[in-house]
Every structure is written in C-alpha cells, then in structure tokens.
Amino acid sequence: MTGKYKELSLLSWIRRLKVQQTRNYEQRFDQALKRSKDWGLAPSGFCCSQERFLSENNLKVFQQVVSASLSHLQAEDVSQQCFAVTATLKNPLERALGVPLAFTLGYVEYNGHNVFYSDTNELKAMLNKGMPSPALNLHAWLTLPSHEVIDMTFGTTYGVVTQTPSVIGRLCFMHPDDMTADMQYHPQLIGEDYLERIGGMSTLLILS
C-alpha cells in the first residue's frame, strides 16, 4: 500500500491493547472447530500448544513478510481482498515463523459493535445455496496453535469502509485473551473449505 501502509510499532500497539482478563478465545475457537466438523467441512489439522509465539523476533519476521507482500498495494486493494491476503500469506508466514496456522473465519467485536458479522444461520444457508452476492460479510485471520491470532487486514478494511484513516495499516499478532473488551475476535468456522464450498474462493487474487 504505497504511501499508506505504515511502518508499525507493533509492540506499542500491543501494549495499548493488553489487559489482564480472561476472554475465552480458546473456547470460541473450539466451538468453531466443532461447527466446521458438524457441517462436514474439511478438517483443519489444528493442534493446540501452550507455547506462546509472540516475541520481538517473531514480530520482526511477521512484519517483514507482510511488508514484502503488501507494501506495493493501496489500502483499498487490501480492504477488498481480506480472504486473498490471509490465504496468500498463510504459507509464507508458516515457513517464516516455523509454526502451522489455522485459516479462521468469523467476525470482530470492535468498540461495542460486531464488524463483518453474519450469524451462523446465514453462514449455513450459504453452505447449502452458495453466496447470494459477491459481497460476503465475514472476516478472515490466522490462528496459531497457542490461540494467538495474526490479522493483516482488519485495521485497513475497517479504516477504508468507515473512513477512519488512523487504523489503516494496523496489524495484529497477539492472544485475544490479552486484548481489551473493545477488540475481540469471534471465530465461527475453521479452514478454507467453507469459502471453496460457497464459491468464495473464485474471487481470490494472488498478491504478487
């Protein structure tokens, strides 16, 4: 995002978000895994680990991979390709960080509002009938075995949609249980199979 994609102080951003409360992301994620299995979606192969991966070195690696892939794109390009960005960067980030990542679909609770939200009945209906329109009210991010999350697109997408320049370019690499109540991730489905089944994968672009 030439001219718009900022050099980020991730540790500073993380420290502003941190709070000592239990948010139960692991429970939400487990429910999403069960729902994905119950709906007959392809297994994600997710394996839980207690090891945390957030560190200054991993933040630098994460930043380098994202910058190399997205620095040439405009904010509008990223905001319109949430699934593409997340799916395309999954393998490079796995190689760079040396850890498997679970492609995660759901919504974000931000400042008291559910953003990019579709309820599970709507999601199930699309599984049976396909996408009713090219616009899909759903968000994608990556979940580490520690249940820490990596999100390259929420800040930019939200910033473009709501015309809030201050959040454009913000990335996330932290455990949702360490976030404030103003920023919460709600996984609904795990894996890319759902997008393939509803026809959402046909809209993905290769970001290179």
N, C-alpha and C. Protein backbone atom coordinates (compact mmCIF):
# COMPACT_ATOMS: atom_id res chain seq x y z
N MET A 1 0.85 -1.17 0.00
CA MET A 1 0.00 0.00 0.00
C MET A 1 0.89 1.23 0.00
N THR A 2 1.43 1.55 -1.16
CA THR A 2 2.41 2.61 -1.29
C THR A 2 1.84 3.91 -0.76
N GLY A 3 2.63 4.57 0.11
CA GLY A 3 2.23 5.86 0.65
C GLY A 3 1.23 5.78 1.78
N LYS A 4 0.64 4.59 2.01
CA LYS A 4 -0.39 4.47 3.03
C LYS A 4 -0.06 3.39 4.04
N TYR A 5 0.69 2.39 3.63
CA TYR A 5 0.98 1.27 4.53
C TYR A 5 2.09 1.67 5.48
N LYS A 6 1.78 1.84 6.73
CA LYS A 6 2.70 2.44 7.69
C LYS A 6 3.73 1.45 8.19
N GLU A 7 4.87 1.99 8.60
CA GLU A 7 5.79 1.24 9.43
C GLU A 7 5.17 1.20 10.82
N LEU A 8 4.97 0.01 11.34
CA LEU A 8 4.18 -0.13 12.56
C LEU A 8 5.04 -0.36 13.79
N SER A 9 4.66 0.24 14.88
CA SER A 9 5.25 -0.08 16.17
C SER A 9 4.33 -1.10 16.82
N LEU A 10 4.53 -2.37 16.47
CA LEU A 10 3.61 -3.41 16.90
C LEU A 10 3.61 -3.58 18.41
N LEU A 11 4.80 -3.53 19.01
CA LEU A 11 4.84 -3.71 20.45
C LEU A 11 4.08 -2.60 21.17
N SER A 12 4.19 -1.38 20.67
CA SER A 12 3.46 -0.27 21.26
C SER A 12 1.96 -0.48 21.14
N TRP A 13 1.52 -0.91 19.97
CA TRP A 13 0.09 -1.17 19.73
C TRP A 13 -0.40 -2.29 20.63
N ILE A 14 0.40 -3.34 20.77
CA ILE A 14 0.03 -4.47 21.61
C ILE A 14 -0.10 -4.05 23.07
N ARG A 15 0.84 -3.24 23.54
CA ARG A 15 0.80 -2.82 24.94
C ARG A 15 -0.44 -1.98 25.23
N ARG A 16 -0.89 -1.21 24.25
CA ARG A 16 -2.10 -0.43 24.47
C ARG A 16 -3.32 -1.32 24.56
N LEU A 17 -3.30 -2.48 23.87
CA LEU A 17 -4.45 -3.37 23.87
C LEU A 17 -4.50 -4.29 25.09
N LYS A 18 -3.34 -4.57 25.68
CA LYS A 18 -3.27 -5.61 26.69
C LYS A 18 -4.06 -5.26 27.95
N VAL A 19 -4.69 -6.30 28.50
CA VAL A 19 -5.41 -6.17 29.76
C VAL A 19 -5.45 -7.55 30.40
N GLN A 20 -5.40 -7.62 31.70
CA GLN A 20 -5.38 -8.91 32.38
C GLN A 20 -6.81 -9.39 32.63
N GLN A 21 -7.40 -9.99 31.65
CA GLN A 21 -8.72 -10.57 31.77
C GLN A 21 -8.77 -11.84 30.94
N THR A 22 -9.69 -12.73 31.30
CA THR A 22 -9.88 -13.95 30.52
C THR A 22 -10.99 -13.72 29.52
N ARG A 23 -10.70 -13.93 28.25
CA ARG A 23 -11.67 -13.67 27.20
C ARG A 23 -12.18 -14.93 26.51
N ASN A 24 -11.54 -16.08 26.80
CA ASN A 24 -12.03 -17.38 26.33
C ASN A 24 -12.02 -17.53 24.81
N TYR A 25 -10.98 -17.02 24.15
CA TYR A 25 -10.87 -17.25 22.71
C TYR A 25 -10.75 -18.75 22.42
N GLU A 26 -10.05 -19.49 23.27
CA GLU A 26 -9.89 -20.92 23.03
C GLU A 26 -11.24 -21.62 22.99
N GLN A 27 -12.15 -21.26 23.87
CA GLN A 27 -13.48 -21.86 23.85
C GLN A 27 -14.22 -21.51 22.57
N ARG A 28 -14.13 -20.25 22.16
CA ARG A 28 -14.78 -19.83 20.92
C ARG A 28 -14.20 -20.60 19.73
N PHE A 29 -12.88 -20.75 19.74
CA PHE A 29 -12.22 -21.46 18.64
C PHE A 29 -12.64 -22.92 18.61
N ASP A 30 -12.71 -23.56 19.78
CA ASP A 30 -13.13 -24.96 19.84
C ASP A 30 -14.56 -25.13 19.33
N GLN A 31 -15.42 -24.18 19.63
CA GLN A 31 -16.79 -24.23 19.12
C GLN A 31 -16.81 -24.11 17.59
N ALA A 32 -15.93 -23.24 17.07
CA ALA A 32 -15.84 -23.09 15.61
C ALA A 32 -15.30 -24.36 14.96
N LEU A 33 -14.34 -25.01 15.61
CA LEU A 33 -13.84 -26.29 15.10
C LEU A 33 -14.95 -27.33 15.07
N LYS A 34 -15.71 -27.41 16.14
CA LYS A 34 -16.81 -28.38 16.20
C LYS A 34 -17.86 -28.08 15.14
N ARG A 35 -18.20 -26.80 14.98
CA ARG A 35 -19.18 -26.42 13.96
C ARG A 35 -18.69 -26.81 12.57
N SER A 36 -17.41 -26.56 12.30
CA SER A 36 -16.85 -26.91 10.99
C SER A 36 -16.95 -28.41 10.74
N LYS A 37 -16.66 -29.20 11.76
CA LYS A 37 -16.76 -30.66 11.65
C LYS A 37 -18.21 -31.09 11.46
N ASP A 38 -19.12 -30.51 12.25
CA ASP A 38 -20.54 -30.86 12.15
C ASP A 38 -21.11 -30.52 10.77
N TRP A 39 -20.58 -29.47 10.14
CA TRP A 39 -21.05 -29.07 8.82
C TRP A 39 -20.37 -29.85 7.69
N GLY A 40 -19.52 -30.79 8.05
CA GLY A 40 -18.88 -31.62 7.04
C GLY A 40 -17.78 -30.94 6.28
N LEU A 41 -17.17 -29.91 6.87
CA LEU A 41 -16.07 -29.22 6.21
C LEU A 41 -14.77 -29.98 6.41
N ALA A 42 -13.82 -29.76 5.52
CA ALA A 42 -12.55 -30.48 5.58
C ALA A 42 -11.83 -30.18 6.89
N PRO A 43 -11.23 -31.18 7.53
CA PRO A 43 -10.51 -30.96 8.80
C PRO A 43 -9.37 -29.97 8.61
N SER A 44 -9.15 -29.16 9.64
CA SER A 44 -8.09 -28.14 9.56
C SER A 44 -6.74 -28.68 10.01
N GLY A 45 -6.74 -29.80 10.77
CA GLY A 45 -5.49 -30.32 11.30
C GLY A 45 -4.91 -29.50 12.43
N PHE A 46 -5.75 -28.72 13.09
CA PHE A 46 -5.28 -27.84 14.17
C PHE A 46 -4.83 -28.66 15.37
N CYS A 47 -3.66 -28.31 15.93
CA CYS A 47 -3.14 -28.94 17.14
C CYS A 47 -2.82 -27.85 18.16
N CYS A 48 -3.38 -27.97 19.33
CA CYS A 48 -3.21 -26.96 20.37
C CYS A 48 -1.84 -27.05 21.03
N SER A 49 -1.28 -25.90 21.37
CA SER A 49 0.00 -25.84 22.08
C SER A 49 -0.07 -24.73 23.13
N GLN A 50 0.58 -24.95 24.27
CA GLN A 50 0.61 -23.93 25.31
C GLN A 50 1.71 -22.90 25.08
N GLU A 51 2.61 -23.18 24.16
CA GLU A 51 3.73 -22.26 23.89
C GLU A 51 3.24 -21.00 23.20
N ARG A 52 3.62 -19.86 23.73
CA ARG A 52 3.31 -18.58 23.08
C ARG A 52 4.40 -18.25 22.07
N PHE A 53 4.00 -17.64 20.96
CA PHE A 53 4.95 -17.35 19.89
C PHE A 53 5.25 -15.86 19.74
N LEU A 54 4.51 -15.02 20.45
CA LEU A 54 4.77 -13.58 20.37
C LEU A 54 6.11 -13.25 20.99
N SER A 55 6.99 -12.66 20.20
CA SER A 55 8.31 -12.21 20.66
C SER A 55 8.76 -11.09 19.73
N GLU A 56 9.75 -10.34 20.16
CA GLU A 56 10.24 -9.26 19.31
C GLU A 56 10.76 -9.80 17.98
N ASN A 57 11.46 -10.94 18.02
CA ASN A 57 11.98 -11.52 16.78
C ASN A 57 10.85 -11.95 15.85
N ASN A 58 9.85 -12.65 16.40
CA ASN A 58 8.74 -13.10 15.56
C ASN A 58 7.92 -11.93 15.03
N LEU A 59 7.83 -10.85 15.80
CA LEU A 59 7.15 -9.65 15.31
C LEU A 59 7.89 -9.06 14.12
N LYS A 60 9.22 -9.04 14.20
CA LYS A 60 10.01 -8.52 13.08
C LYS A 60 9.84 -9.39 11.85
N VAL A 61 9.87 -10.72 12.04
CA VAL A 61 9.69 -11.64 10.92
C VAL A 61 8.31 -11.44 10.30
N PHE A 62 7.30 -11.37 11.14
CA PHE A 62 5.93 -11.15 10.68
C PHE A 62 5.82 -9.86 9.88
N GLN A 63 6.40 -8.79 10.40
CA GLN A 63 6.37 -7.50 9.73
C GLN A 63 7.06 -7.56 8.37
N GLN A 64 8.18 -8.25 8.31
CA GLN A 64 8.94 -8.35 7.06
C GLN A 64 8.14 -9.09 5.99
N VAL A 65 7.51 -10.20 6.37
CA VAL A 65 6.73 -10.98 5.41
C VAL A 65 5.55 -10.17 4.89
N VAL A 66 4.84 -9.52 5.80
CA VAL A 66 3.68 -8.73 5.40
C VAL A 66 4.09 -7.54 4.53
N SER A 67 5.14 -6.85 4.93
CA SER A 67 5.59 -5.69 4.16
C SER A 67 6.02 -6.09 2.76
N ALA A 68 6.74 -7.21 2.64
CA ALA A 68 7.19 -7.67 1.32
C ALA A 68 6.02 -7.99 0.41
N SER A 69 4.90 -8.44 0.98
CA SER A 69 3.75 -8.85 0.17
C SER A 69 2.77 -7.71 -0.10
N LEU A 70 2.66 -6.78 0.83
CA LEU A 70 1.59 -5.78 0.74
C LEU A 70 2.05 -4.35 0.49
N SER A 71 3.36 -4.09 0.57
CA SER A 71 3.82 -2.71 0.50
C SER A 71 3.49 -2.03 -0.82
N HIS A 72 3.29 -2.82 -1.88
CA HIS A 72 3.01 -2.23 -3.20
C HIS A 72 1.52 -2.01 -3.43
N LEU A 73 0.69 -2.39 -2.47
CA LEU A 73 -0.76 -2.30 -2.64
C LEU A 73 -1.33 -1.06 -1.97
N GLN A 74 -2.42 -0.56 -2.53
CA GLN A 74 -3.16 0.52 -1.92
C GLN A 74 -4.07 -0.05 -0.84
N ALA A 75 -4.47 0.80 0.11
CA ALA A 75 -5.35 0.36 1.19
C ALA A 75 -6.64 -0.25 0.64
N GLU A 76 -7.18 0.34 -0.41
CA GLU A 76 -8.43 -0.16 -0.99
C GLU A 76 -8.26 -1.57 -1.54
N ASP A 77 -7.08 -1.87 -2.10
CA ASP A 77 -6.82 -3.22 -2.62
C ASP A 77 -6.88 -4.25 -1.50
N VAL A 78 -6.23 -3.93 -0.38
CA VAL A 78 -6.22 -4.85 0.75
C VAL A 78 -7.62 -5.00 1.34
N SER A 79 -8.35 -3.89 1.46
CA SER A 79 -9.67 -3.93 2.08
C SER A 79 -10.65 -4.78 1.28
N GLN A 80 -10.45 -4.86 -0.04
CA GLN A 80 -11.35 -5.64 -0.88
C GLN A 80 -10.91 -7.10 -1.02
N GLN A 81 -9.76 -7.44 -0.47
CA GLN A 81 -9.23 -8.80 -0.63
C GLN A 81 -8.81 -9.41 0.71
N CYS A 82 -9.67 -9.29 1.70
CA CYS A 82 -9.37 -9.84 3.03
C CYS A 82 -9.03 -11.32 2.95
N PHE A 83 -9.84 -12.10 2.24
CA PHE A 83 -9.61 -13.54 2.15
C PHE A 83 -8.34 -13.85 1.36
N ALA A 84 -8.13 -13.09 0.29
CA ALA A 84 -6.95 -13.31 -0.55
C ALA A 84 -5.67 -13.04 0.22
N VAL A 85 -5.64 -11.92 0.94
CA VAL A 85 -4.45 -11.57 1.70
C VAL A 85 -4.15 -12.65 2.73
N THR A 86 -5.16 -13.06 3.46
CA THR A 86 -4.97 -14.05 4.53
C THR A 86 -4.57 -15.40 3.97
N ALA A 87 -5.24 -15.85 2.90
CA ALA A 87 -4.92 -17.15 2.32
C ALA A 87 -3.54 -17.14 1.67
N THR A 88 -3.20 -16.04 0.99
CA THR A 88 -1.93 -15.98 0.27
C THR A 88 -0.73 -15.90 1.22
N LEU A 89 -0.91 -15.22 2.36
CA LEU A 89 0.20 -15.06 3.30
C LEU A 89 0.31 -16.21 4.30
N LYS A 90 -0.65 -17.11 4.31
CA LYS A 90 -0.64 -18.22 5.28
C LYS A 90 0.63 -19.06 5.15
N ASN A 91 0.94 -19.56 3.96
CA ASN A 91 2.12 -20.41 3.79
C ASN A 91 3.43 -19.67 4.03
N PRO A 92 3.62 -18.46 3.47
CA PRO A 92 4.87 -17.73 3.77
C PRO A 92 5.07 -17.47 5.26
N LEU A 93 4.00 -17.16 5.97
CA LEU A 93 4.12 -16.92 7.40
C LEU A 93 4.42 -18.21 8.16
N GLU A 94 3.83 -19.31 7.73
CA GLU A 94 4.13 -20.60 8.35
C GLU A 94 5.61 -20.94 8.20
N ARG A 95 6.15 -20.72 7.00
CA ARG A 95 7.56 -21.01 6.78
C ARG A 95 8.46 -20.08 7.59
N ALA A 96 8.11 -18.80 7.62
CA ALA A 96 8.95 -17.82 8.30
C ALA A 96 8.92 -17.99 9.82
N LEU A 97 7.75 -18.31 10.36
CA LEU A 97 7.61 -18.44 11.81
C LEU A 97 7.86 -19.86 12.29
N GLY A 98 7.83 -20.82 11.36
CA GLY A 98 8.06 -22.22 11.72
C GLY A 98 6.95 -22.82 12.55
N VAL A 99 5.70 -22.42 12.26
CA VAL A 99 4.55 -22.91 13.04
C VAL A 99 3.33 -22.99 12.12
N PRO A 100 2.49 -24.03 12.27
CA PRO A 100 1.27 -24.12 11.45
C PRO A 100 0.25 -23.07 11.87
N LEU A 101 -0.50 -22.56 10.91
CA LEU A 101 -1.50 -21.54 11.15
C LEU A 101 -2.86 -22.01 10.64
N ALA A 102 -3.90 -21.75 11.40
CA ALA A 102 -5.25 -22.17 11.01
C ALA A 102 -5.98 -20.98 10.39
N PHE A 103 -6.43 -21.15 9.15
CA PHE A 103 -7.25 -20.14 8.48
C PHE A 103 -8.58 -20.07 9.22
N THR A 104 -8.92 -18.89 9.70
CA THR A 104 -10.06 -18.72 10.60
C THR A 104 -11.04 -17.70 10.05
N LEU A 105 -12.32 -18.05 10.07
CA LEU A 105 -13.38 -17.17 9.58
C LEU A 105 -14.30 -16.79 10.73
N GLY A 106 -14.72 -15.54 10.75
CA GLY A 106 -15.63 -15.10 11.79
C GLY A 106 -15.83 -13.60 11.72
N TYR A 107 -16.01 -12.99 12.88
CA TYR A 107 -16.21 -11.54 12.93
C TYR A 107 -15.43 -10.95 14.10
N VAL A 108 -15.34 -9.63 14.12
CA VAL A 108 -14.62 -8.93 15.17
C VAL A 108 -15.59 -8.02 15.91
N GLU A 109 -15.54 -8.09 17.22
CA GLU A 109 -16.30 -7.18 18.06
C GLU A 109 -15.39 -6.00 18.37
N TYR A 110 -15.73 -4.84 17.81
CA TYR A 110 -14.85 -3.67 17.91
C TYR A 110 -15.62 -2.47 18.41
N ASN A 111 -15.18 -1.93 19.55
CA ASN A 111 -15.83 -0.77 20.15
C ASN A 111 -17.33 -0.97 20.33
N GLY A 112 -17.69 -2.18 20.78
CA GLY A 112 -19.09 -2.46 21.09
C GLY A 112 -19.96 -2.84 19.90
N HIS A 113 -19.36 -2.99 18.71
CA HIS A 113 -20.13 -3.34 17.52
C HIS A 113 -19.53 -4.60 16.87
N ASN A 114 -20.41 -5.45 16.37
CA ASN A 114 -19.97 -6.62 15.61
C ASN A 114 -19.68 -6.20 14.17
N VAL A 115 -18.42 -6.36 13.76
CA VAL A 115 -17.98 -5.90 12.46
C VAL A 115 -17.74 -7.11 11.55
N PHE A 116 -18.20 -7.02 10.29
CA PHE A 116 -18.11 -8.11 9.32
C PHE A 116 -18.82 -9.36 9.86
N TYR A 117 -20.03 -9.16 10.34
CA TYR A 117 -20.76 -10.21 11.05
C TYR A 117 -21.88 -10.80 10.18
N SER A 118 -21.92 -12.12 10.13
CA SER A 118 -23.06 -12.89 9.63
C SER A 118 -23.36 -13.95 10.68
N ASP A 119 -24.62 -14.13 11.06
CA ASP A 119 -24.89 -15.16 12.06
C ASP A 119 -24.77 -16.55 11.44
N THR A 120 -24.71 -17.55 12.29
CA THR A 120 -24.42 -18.91 11.81
C THR A 120 -25.53 -19.43 10.89
N ASN A 121 -26.76 -18.97 11.09
CA ASN A 121 -27.84 -19.41 10.18
C ASN A 121 -27.59 -18.91 8.76
N GLU A 122 -27.12 -17.66 8.64
CA GLU A 122 -26.78 -17.13 7.32
C GLU A 122 -25.63 -17.91 6.70
N LEU A 123 -24.62 -18.22 7.52
CA LEU A 123 -23.47 -18.96 7.01
C LEU A 123 -23.88 -20.36 6.56
N LYS A 124 -24.75 -21.00 7.32
CA LYS A 124 -25.21 -22.35 6.95
C LYS A 124 -26.03 -22.30 5.67
N ALA A 125 -26.86 -21.27 5.52
CA ALA A 125 -27.68 -21.12 4.30
C ALA A 125 -26.79 -20.98 3.08
N MET A 126 -25.68 -20.23 3.21
CA MET A 126 -24.77 -20.07 2.08
C MET A 126 -24.05 -21.38 1.76
N LEU A 127 -23.83 -22.20 2.77
CA LEU A 127 -23.20 -23.50 2.53
C LEU A 127 -24.10 -24.37 1.66
N ASN A 128 -25.41 -24.21 1.82
CA ASN A 128 -26.36 -25.00 1.04
C ASN A 128 -26.69 -24.38 -0.31
N LYS A 129 -26.69 -23.04 -0.39
CA LYS A 129 -27.17 -22.35 -1.59
C LYS A 129 -26.10 -21.53 -2.30
N GLY A 130 -24.94 -21.36 -1.69
CA GLY A 130 -23.90 -20.52 -2.27
C GLY A 130 -24.07 -19.07 -1.87
N MET A 131 -23.12 -18.24 -2.28
CA MET A 131 -23.15 -16.82 -1.94
C MET A 131 -24.26 -16.11 -2.70
N PRO A 132 -25.11 -15.34 -2.01
CA PRO A 132 -26.18 -14.63 -2.71
C PRO A 132 -25.67 -13.43 -3.51
N SER A 133 -24.47 -12.94 -3.16
CA SER A 133 -23.88 -11.81 -3.87
C SER A 133 -22.37 -11.88 -3.68
N PRO A 134 -21.60 -11.14 -4.50
CA PRO A 134 -20.14 -11.16 -4.35
C PRO A 134 -19.67 -10.63 -3.00
N ALA A 135 -20.47 -9.78 -2.35
CA ALA A 135 -20.08 -9.22 -1.05
C ALA A 135 -20.38 -10.23 0.05
N LEU A 136 -19.37 -10.57 0.82
CA LEU A 136 -19.51 -11.55 1.89
C LEU A 136 -19.17 -10.88 3.21
N ASN A 137 -20.14 -10.80 4.11
CA ASN A 137 -19.95 -10.13 5.39
C ASN A 137 -19.31 -11.09 6.37
N LEU A 138 -17.98 -11.25 6.24
CA LEU A 138 -17.22 -12.22 7.01
C LEU A 138 -15.77 -11.75 7.01
N HIS A 139 -15.05 -12.09 8.07
CA HIS A 139 -13.66 -11.69 8.18
C HIS A 139 -12.77 -12.93 8.28
N ALA A 140 -11.51 -12.79 7.91
CA ALA A 140 -10.56 -13.91 7.97
C ALA A 140 -9.29 -13.48 8.68
N TRP A 141 -8.74 -14.39 9.47
CA TRP A 141 -7.44 -14.18 10.11
C TRP A 141 -6.79 -15.55 10.30
N LEU A 142 -5.63 -15.58 10.91
CA LEU A 142 -4.90 -16.82 11.15
C LEU A 142 -4.76 -17.05 12.64
N THR A 143 -4.94 -18.31 13.07
CA THR A 143 -4.79 -18.67 14.48
C THR A 143 -3.61 -19.61 14.65
N LEU A 144 -2.73 -19.27 15.59
CA LEU A 144 -1.59 -20.12 15.90
C LEU A 144 -2.02 -21.24 16.86
N PRO A 145 -1.20 -22.30 17.00
CA PRO A 145 -1.54 -23.37 17.94
C PRO A 145 -1.73 -22.88 19.38
N SER A 146 -1.13 -21.75 19.72
CA SER A 146 -1.26 -21.13 21.04
C SER A 146 -2.55 -20.33 21.19
N HIS A 147 -3.34 -20.25 20.11
CA HIS A 147 -4.54 -19.43 20.00
C HIS A 147 -4.24 -17.94 19.92
N GLU A 148 -2.99 -17.57 19.75
CA GLU A 148 -2.67 -16.21 19.35
C GLU A 148 -3.19 -16.01 17.91
N VAL A 149 -3.50 -14.79 17.56
CA VAL A 149 -4.03 -14.54 16.23
C VAL A 149 -3.11 -13.60 15.45
N ILE A 150 -3.12 -13.79 14.14
CA ILE A 150 -2.42 -12.92 13.20
C ILE A 150 -3.47 -12.37 12.25
N ASP A 151 -3.54 -11.07 12.16
CA ASP A 151 -4.53 -10.43 11.29
C ASP A 151 -3.86 -9.29 10.53
N MET A 152 -3.85 -9.40 9.21
CA MET A 152 -3.21 -8.39 8.37
C MET A 152 -4.19 -7.37 7.81
N THR A 153 -5.51 -7.60 7.94
CA THR A 153 -6.44 -6.81 7.14
C THR A 153 -7.51 -6.05 7.90
N PHE A 154 -7.77 -6.40 9.16
CA PHE A 154 -8.92 -5.77 9.83
C PHE A 154 -8.78 -4.25 9.89
N GLY A 155 -7.64 -3.76 10.38
CA GLY A 155 -7.47 -2.31 10.52
C GLY A 155 -7.66 -1.58 9.21
N THR A 156 -7.06 -2.11 8.15
CA THR A 156 -7.16 -1.46 6.84
C THR A 156 -8.58 -1.53 6.28
N THR A 157 -9.20 -2.72 6.38
CA THR A 157 -10.56 -2.86 5.85
C THR A 157 -11.54 -1.99 6.61
N TYR A 158 -11.44 -2.01 7.93
CA TYR A 158 -12.33 -1.19 8.74
C TYR A 158 -12.09 0.29 8.47
N GLY A 159 -10.82 0.66 8.35
CA GLY A 159 -10.49 2.06 8.10
C GLY A 159 -11.03 2.57 6.78
N VAL A 160 -10.94 1.72 5.74
CA VAL A 160 -11.45 2.12 4.43
C VAL A 160 -12.98 2.20 4.44
N VAL A 161 -13.63 1.18 5.01
CA VAL A 161 -15.09 1.12 5.00
C VAL A 161 -15.70 2.26 5.81
N THR A 162 -15.10 2.56 6.96
CA THR A 162 -15.67 3.58 7.84
C THR A 162 -15.00 4.94 7.70
N GLN A 163 -14.04 5.04 6.77
CA GLN A 163 -13.30 6.28 6.56
C GLN A 163 -12.62 6.73 7.86
N THR A 164 -11.88 5.78 8.46
CA THR A 164 -11.12 6.04 9.68
C THR A 164 -9.64 5.83 9.38
N PRO A 165 -8.95 6.84 8.85
CA PRO A 165 -7.55 6.68 8.42
C PRO A 165 -6.60 6.23 9.53
N SER A 166 -6.92 6.54 10.77
CA SER A 166 -5.98 6.25 11.86
C SER A 166 -5.74 4.76 12.07
N VAL A 167 -6.65 3.90 11.63
CA VAL A 167 -6.47 2.46 11.85
C VAL A 167 -5.95 1.73 10.60
N ILE A 168 -5.87 2.44 9.48
CA ILE A 168 -5.38 1.81 8.24
C ILE A 168 -3.92 1.41 8.40
N GLY A 169 -3.62 0.18 8.05
CA GLY A 169 -2.26 -0.33 8.16
C GLY A 169 -1.95 -1.04 9.45
N ARG A 170 -2.85 -1.03 10.42
CA ARG A 170 -2.59 -1.70 11.69
C ARG A 170 -2.67 -3.22 11.51
N LEU A 171 -1.72 -3.91 12.12
CA LEU A 171 -1.67 -5.36 12.09
C LEU A 171 -1.89 -5.88 13.50
N CYS A 172 -2.19 -7.16 13.60
CA CYS A 172 -2.38 -7.78 14.91
C CYS A 172 -1.63 -9.09 14.99
N PHE A 173 -0.85 -9.25 16.06
CA PHE A 173 -0.19 -10.51 16.38
C PHE A 173 -0.18 -10.59 17.90
N MET A 174 -1.20 -11.22 18.47
CA MET A 174 -1.28 -11.37 19.93
C MET A 174 -2.39 -12.33 20.29
N HIS A 175 -2.51 -12.65 21.55
CA HIS A 175 -3.57 -13.54 22.01
C HIS A 175 -4.81 -12.70 22.31
N PRO A 176 -5.97 -13.09 21.77
CA PRO A 176 -7.18 -12.29 22.01
C PRO A 176 -7.56 -12.17 23.48
N ASP A 177 -7.16 -13.14 24.31
CA ASP A 177 -7.47 -13.04 25.73
C ASP A 177 -6.68 -11.92 26.39
N ASP A 178 -5.64 -11.41 25.71
CA ASP A 178 -4.86 -10.28 26.23
C ASP A 178 -5.37 -8.94 25.72
N MET A 179 -6.41 -8.97 24.91
CA MET A 179 -6.96 -7.73 24.37
C MET A 179 -8.04 -7.19 25.29
N THR A 180 -8.36 -5.93 25.14
CA THR A 180 -9.46 -5.34 25.89
C THR A 180 -10.79 -5.81 25.32
N ALA A 181 -11.85 -5.55 26.05
CA ALA A 181 -13.19 -5.91 25.57
C ALA A 181 -13.56 -5.14 24.32
N ASP A 182 -12.85 -4.05 24.03
CA ASP A 182 -13.15 -3.24 22.84
C ASP A 182 -12.67 -3.89 21.55
N MET A 183 -11.86 -4.96 21.66
CA MET A 183 -11.33 -5.61 20.46
C MET A 183 -11.32 -7.11 20.72
N GLN A 184 -12.34 -7.81 20.22
CA GLN A 184 -12.46 -9.24 20.46
C GLN A 184 -12.73 -10.00 19.16
N TYR A 185 -12.04 -11.13 19.00
CA TYR A 185 -12.19 -11.97 17.82
C TYR A 185 -13.16 -13.12 18.12
N HIS A 186 -14.08 -13.34 17.19
CA HIS A 186 -15.10 -14.38 17.34
C HIS A 186 -15.02 -15.36 16.17
N PRO A 187 -14.25 -16.44 16.31
CA PRO A 187 -14.19 -17.43 15.23
C PRO A 187 -15.52 -18.16 15.08
N GLN A 188 -15.91 -18.42 13.83
CA GLN A 188 -17.14 -19.15 13.54
C GLN A 188 -16.87 -20.44 12.77
N LEU A 189 -15.89 -20.41 11.86
CA LEU A 189 -15.53 -21.59 11.08
C LEU A 189 -14.02 -21.62 10.90
N ILE A 190 -13.48 -22.84 10.79
CA ILE A 190 -12.03 -23.01 10.67
C ILE A 190 -11.71 -23.70 9.35
N GLY A 191 -10.74 -23.17 8.62
CA GLY A 191 -10.29 -23.76 7.36
C GLY A 191 -10.85 -23.03 6.15
N GLU A 192 -10.23 -23.27 5.01
CA GLU A 192 -10.62 -22.60 3.77
C GLU A 192 -11.73 -23.33 3.02
N ASP A 193 -12.10 -24.53 3.48
CA ASP A 193 -13.08 -25.35 2.77
C ASP A 193 -14.43 -24.64 2.65
N TYR A 194 -14.82 -23.88 3.68
CA TYR A 194 -16.11 -23.19 3.62
C TYR A 194 -16.17 -22.23 2.43
N LEU A 195 -15.11 -21.43 2.25
CA LEU A 195 -15.09 -20.50 1.12
C LEU A 195 -15.14 -21.23 -0.21
N GLU A 196 -14.45 -22.36 -0.31
CA GLU A 196 -14.48 -23.14 -1.54
C GLU A 196 -15.88 -23.67 -1.81
N ARG A 197 -16.55 -24.13 -0.77
CA ARG A 197 -17.87 -24.74 -0.93
C ARG A 197 -18.93 -23.72 -1.34
N ILE A 198 -18.81 -22.47 -0.87
CA ILE A 198 -19.84 -21.48 -1.20
C ILE A 198 -19.48 -20.67 -2.45
N GLY A 199 -18.32 -20.93 -3.02
CA GLY A 199 -17.91 -20.19 -4.21
C GLY A 199 -17.12 -18.95 -3.91
N GLY A 200 -16.70 -18.78 -2.68
CA GLY A 200 -15.95 -17.58 -2.31
C GLY A 200 -14.51 -17.60 -2.79
N MET A 201 -13.94 -18.77 -3.02
CA MET A 201 -12.55 -18.86 -3.43
C MET A 201 -12.34 -18.34 -4.85
N SER A 202 -13.37 -18.34 -5.66
CA SER A 202 -13.21 -17.88 -7.05
C SER A 202 -12.89 -16.39 -7.13
N THR A 203 -13.12 -15.66 -6.02
CA THR A 203 -12.86 -14.21 -6.04
C THR A 203 -11.47 -13.87 -5.54
N LEU A 204 -10.71 -14.89 -5.11
CA LEU A 204 -9.38 -14.62 -4.54
C LEU A 204 -8.39 -14.23 -5.62
N LEU A 205 -7.52 -13.30 -5.31
CA LEU A 205 -6.46 -12.88 -6.21
C LEU A 205 -5.11 -13.28 -5.61
N ILE A 206 -4.16 -13.59 -6.46
CA ILE A 206 -2.81 -13.85 -5.99
C ILE A 206 -2.09 -12.52 -5.84
N LEU A 207 -1.59 -12.25 -4.65
CA LEU A 207 -0.97 -10.96 -4.36
C LEU A 207 0.53 -11.05 -4.59
N SER A 208 0.94 -10.84 -5.83
CA SER A 208 2.38 -10.90 -6.14
C SER A 208 2.68 -9.93 -7.26
